[in-house]
Protein backbone atom coordinates (compact mmCIF):
# COMPACT_ATOMS: atom_id res chain seq x y z
CA MET A 1 -55.76 -20.67 -10.00
CA LYS A 2 -52.87 -21.12 -12.41
CA LYS A 3 -52.49 -17.36 -12.56
CA ILE A 4 -52.23 -17.20 -8.75
CA HIS A 5 -49.62 -19.95 -8.76
CA ARG A 6 -47.61 -18.06 -11.38
CA ILE A 7 -47.77 -14.88 -9.29
CA ILE A 8 -46.66 -16.76 -6.15
CA ALA A 9 -43.82 -18.42 -8.08
CA ALA A 10 -42.70 -15.06 -9.47
CA LEU A 11 -42.77 -13.45 -6.02
CA THR A 12 -40.83 -16.39 -4.57
CA ALA A 13 -38.19 -16.10 -7.30
CA ILE A 14 -37.82 -12.38 -6.63
CA LEU A 15 -37.49 -12.98 -2.88
CA VAL A 16 -34.85 -15.67 -3.41
CA ALA A 17 -32.94 -13.41 -5.82
CA ILE A 18 -32.98 -10.51 -3.35
CA THR A 19 -31.89 -12.78 -0.48
CA CYS A 20 -29.05 -14.33 -2.48
CA SER A 21 -27.98 -10.95 -3.77
CA GLY A 22 -27.87 -9.55 -0.26
CA PHE A 23 -25.89 -12.54 1.02
CA ALA A 24 -23.47 -12.29 -1.90
CA SER A 25 -22.99 -8.61 -1.17
CA LEU A 26 -22.18 -9.36 2.46
CA VAL A 27 -19.68 -12.05 1.46
CA SER A 28 -18.18 -9.75 -1.15
CA ALA A 29 -17.91 -6.88 1.33
CA SER A 30 -16.21 -9.14 3.87
CA ALA A 31 -13.81 -10.55 1.29
CA ALA A 32 -13.01 -7.08 -0.03
CA ALA A 33 -11.85 -5.66 3.34
CA THR A 34 -8.77 -3.57 2.59
CA VAL A 35 -5.82 -2.44 4.68
CA THR A 36 -6.43 1.04 6.07
CA SER A 37 -3.54 1.32 8.54
CA VAL A 38 -0.10 -0.24 8.99
CA LYS A 39 1.80 0.47 12.22
CA ILE A 40 5.16 -1.03 13.18
CA ILE A 41 4.93 -2.28 16.77
CA LYS A 42 8.24 -4.16 16.84
CA TYR A 43 11.31 -3.30 14.78
CA PRO A 44 13.27 -5.99 12.95
CA ALA A 45 16.08 -7.55 14.97
CA ARG A 46 18.59 -6.04 12.56
CA THR A 47 18.64 -2.40 11.50
CA GLU A 48 22.41 -1.97 11.07
CA PHE A 49 24.16 -3.76 8.20
CA LEU A 50 27.91 -4.11 7.78
CA LYS A 51 29.62 -3.70 4.43
CA GLY A 52 31.15 -6.95 3.23
CA ALA A 53 29.20 -9.18 5.60
CA ASP A 54 25.68 -7.86 4.94
CA TRP A 55 25.86 -5.68 1.84
CA ASP A 56 28.20 -4.51 -0.90
CA PHE A 57 28.26 -2.62 -4.15
CA GLY A 58 27.19 -4.78 -7.09
CA TYR A 59 24.30 -7.00 -8.16
CA TYR A 60 23.25 -10.63 -8.44
CA ASP A 61 23.19 -12.28 -11.85
CA VAL A 62 20.25 -14.64 -11.36
CA PRO A 63 19.42 -17.24 -14.07
CA ASP A 64 15.89 -18.40 -14.81
CA ASN A 65 16.56 -21.58 -12.85
CA GLY A 66 18.87 -22.06 -9.88
CA LEU A 67 20.88 -19.63 -7.80
CA GLY A 68 22.67 -16.55 -9.05
CA THR A 69 26.15 -15.18 -8.44
CA PHE A 70 27.28 -11.83 -7.09
CA VAL A 71 28.95 -9.39 -9.48
CA SER A 72 30.81 -6.62 -7.64
CA GLY A 73 31.20 -3.05 -8.80
CA GLY A 74 29.09 -0.04 -9.69
CA ASP A 75 27.14 2.14 -7.29
CA LYS A 76 24.15 -0.09 -6.54
CA VAL A 77 23.81 -1.57 -3.05
CA ALA A 78 23.00 -5.28 -2.94
CA PHE A 79 22.06 -7.12 0.25
CA LYS A 80 23.54 -10.54 0.92
CA HIS A 81 20.50 -11.90 2.76
CA TYR A 82 19.30 -14.62 0.36
CA GLY A 83 21.48 -13.09 -2.31
CA GLY A 84 21.26 -15.01 -5.56
CA TYR A 85 17.80 -16.40 -4.82
CA HIS A 86 14.70 -15.54 -6.79
CA THR A 87 13.11 -12.74 -4.76
CA ARG A 88 11.09 -9.60 -5.43
CA TYR A 89 14.25 -7.59 -6.18
CA GLU A 90 16.40 -10.59 -6.97
CA ASP A 91 19.29 -8.63 -8.51
CA LEU A 92 19.72 -6.73 -5.21
CA GLY A 93 19.15 -9.52 -2.70
CA MET A 94 16.76 -9.20 0.25
CA LEU A 95 16.56 -6.91 3.24
CA ASP A 96 16.57 -8.95 6.45
CA MET A 97 13.36 -7.94 8.25
CA ASN A 98 13.10 -10.90 10.61
CA GLY A 99 11.61 -9.87 13.95
CA LEU A 100 9.37 -7.20 12.40
CA VAL A 101 5.80 -7.10 13.70
CA VAL A 102 3.14 -4.74 12.34
CA ARG A 103 -0.37 -3.95 13.51
CA VAL A 104 -2.80 -3.89 10.60
CA THR A 105 -6.24 -2.28 10.61
CA TYR A 106 -8.76 -3.28 7.95
CA SER A 107 -11.68 -1.42 6.42
CA ASP A 108 -14.13 -3.66 8.31
CA GLY A 109 -12.69 -2.42 11.62
CA LYS A 110 -10.76 -5.59 12.44
CA THR A 111 -7.10 -5.48 13.50
CA ALA A 112 -4.31 -8.05 13.46
CA ASP A 113 -0.69 -8.18 14.60
CA ILE A 114 1.32 -9.80 11.81
CA ALA A 115 4.91 -11.01 12.14
CA TYR A 116 7.21 -10.91 9.14
CA LYS A 117 7.80 -14.31 7.58
CA GLU A 118 10.01 -15.66 4.81
CA THR A 119 9.18 -18.87 2.98
CA VAL A 120 11.86 -20.66 0.95
CA SER A 121 10.83 -22.88 -1.94
CA GLY A 122 13.75 -24.23 -3.93
CA SER A 123 15.69 -21.22 -5.20
CA SER A 124 12.83 -18.78 -4.51
CA VAL A 125 12.02 -16.82 -1.36
CA TYR A 126 8.58 -15.37 -0.64
CA GLN A 127 7.60 -12.85 2.02
CA ASN A 128 4.29 -11.86 3.62
CA ILE A 129 5.28 -8.23 4.29
CA TYR A 130 7.02 -6.15 1.63
CA ALA A 131 9.63 -3.41 1.76
CA SER A 132 10.73 -0.72 -0.65
CA PHE A 133 13.10 2.23 -0.62
CA ARG A 134 11.71 5.58 -1.72
CA LYS A 135 15.22 6.74 -2.62
CA LYS A 136 18.33 5.09 -3.99
CA VAL A 137 19.96 2.95 -1.28
CA LYS A 138 23.30 4.31 -0.13
CA PRO A 139 25.74 3.92 2.77
CA GLY A 140 24.36 5.55 5.92
CA ILE A 141 20.76 5.98 7.01
CA ASN A 142 18.03 4.79 4.63
CA SER A 143 14.26 4.86 5.10
CA VAL A 144 12.39 1.60 4.51
CA GLU A 145 8.71 1.58 3.57
CA VAL A 146 6.74 -1.41 4.89
CA TYR A 147 3.45 -2.46 3.27
CA PHE A 148 1.24 -5.28 2.07
CA LYS A 149 0.26 -6.35 -1.42
CA PRO A 150 -1.74 -5.24 -3.26
CA TYR A 151 -0.24 -1.86 -2.42
CA ASN A 152 -2.87 0.83 -1.80
CA GLY A 153 -0.67 3.62 -0.44
CA VAL A 154 -0.98 2.52 3.20
CA SER A 155 2.40 1.88 4.84
CA ASP A 156 4.78 2.63 7.69
CA PHE A 157 8.50 3.42 7.75
CA TYR A 158 11.62 2.59 9.72
CA ASP A 159 15.31 3.39 9.30
CA ILE A 160 18.28 1.15 8.61
CA ASN A 161 21.96 2.06 8.68
CA LEU A 162 24.51 0.73 6.18
CA VAL A 163 27.91 0.98 7.82
CA THR A 164 31.52 0.10 7.13
CA THR A 165 32.33 -0.33 10.84
CA ALA A 166 29.92 -1.94 13.29
CA THR A 167 28.54 0.30 16.03
CA GLU A 168 29.29 -0.84 19.57
CA LYS A 169 26.23 -1.96 21.49
CA GLY A 170 25.12 0.88 23.76
CA ASP A 171 26.73 3.69 21.75
CA VAL A 172 23.36 5.27 21.01
CA ASN A 173 24.75 8.70 20.05
CA HIS A 174 27.45 7.19 17.78
CA ASP A 175 30.34 9.11 19.35
CA GLY A 176 32.54 6.03 19.69
CA LYS A 177 32.02 5.76 23.46
CA VAL A 178 29.51 4.09 25.74
CA ASN A 179 28.78 6.31 28.72
CA SER A 180 26.10 8.05 30.79
CA ALA A 181 25.11 10.23 27.82
CA ASP A 182 23.90 7.11 26.01
CA ALA A 183 22.00 5.96 29.11
CA LEU A 184 20.31 9.38 29.28
CA ILE A 185 19.20 9.11 25.64
CA VAL A 186 17.66 5.71 26.35
CA LEU A 187 15.82 7.09 29.39
CA GLN A 188 14.50 9.98 27.32
CA HIS A 189 13.02 7.43 24.95
CA VAL A 190 11.50 5.44 27.83
CA VAL A 191 9.61 8.49 29.12
CA ALA A 192 8.75 9.62 25.56
CA ILE A 193 10.74 12.89 25.69
CA LYS A 194 12.67 12.02 22.53
CA LEU A 195 11.99 8.75 20.72
CA LEU A 196 14.75 6.68 19.15
CA ASN A 197 14.70 5.65 15.51
CA ALA A 198 14.86 1.95 14.63
CA VAL A 199 18.66 1.97 14.29
CA ASP A 200 19.39 3.53 17.67
CA TYR A 201 16.58 1.57 19.29
CA ASN A 202 18.35 -1.70 18.54
CA ILE A 203 21.72 -0.28 19.62
CA GLY A 204 20.21 0.76 22.94
CA ASP A 205 18.41 -2.56 23.45
CA MET A 206 21.27 -3.97 25.50
CA ASN A 207 19.71 -7.33 26.34
CA SER A 208 18.25 -7.72 22.83
CA ASP A 209 14.76 -8.52 24.10
CA GLY A 210 13.07 -6.27 21.55
CA SER A 211 12.09 -3.56 24.02
CA ILE A 212 13.73 -0.47 25.51
CA ASN A 213 13.37 0.29 29.21
CA SER A 214 15.26 1.55 32.25
CA PHE A 215 17.05 -1.78 32.58
CA ASP A 216 18.79 -1.14 29.25
CA ALA A 217 19.94 2.25 30.57
CA LEU A 218 21.31 0.47 33.64
CA LEU A 219 23.17 -2.02 31.47
CA ILE A 220 24.72 0.87 29.53
CA LEU A 221 25.93 2.46 32.79
CA ARG A 222 27.35 -0.86 33.94
CA LYS A 223 29.24 -1.19 30.66
CA ALA A 224 30.49 2.40 30.96
CA VAL A 225 32.12 1.77 34.36
CA ALA A 226 33.36 -1.75 33.60
């Protein structure tokens, strides 16, 4: 009888171990879901940055505690958004990505639309979506890579423009005039003939509602004949 009890106890222990192991594996698999796709579905509100007001050549000298100061000169571009704060690239300030929304797909098949967020704590600023430049930042058009941490090679890109003179709203082709040619470019984007990059998208978004449509083309034409 004792032998039977020992066999039953052993079988019970094995069953419990298998059950717990299976449950742990399911929990582990769920917790280990990784990002498999990142797609920008709404560009940041700002994709053009003006020299002096938004960026300049130099760097931020940031102490271990407290805010840093800007040191001008050299050939490095530093952004003034939270400049001097402790950030990921604190010597170069932060890129303003407010308004950005990305659609994320995970390895378990789930998706989520995530809006960019900055959290300030004392002299530090944290972000939930990260950005890097594949090449050295320079005046003109620069490509921004958007991703999540830990980085696994999955990302999306959008363009920003570092300018010395602000572009007039509606001047989508950057010829210094707002006219029917700009309206036509916007309409071509609307019907997916030729899509706008992030920079021109925001310039053509006349009512700044975050979307491009025929109403923006109409507003450009109204401005052209005003």
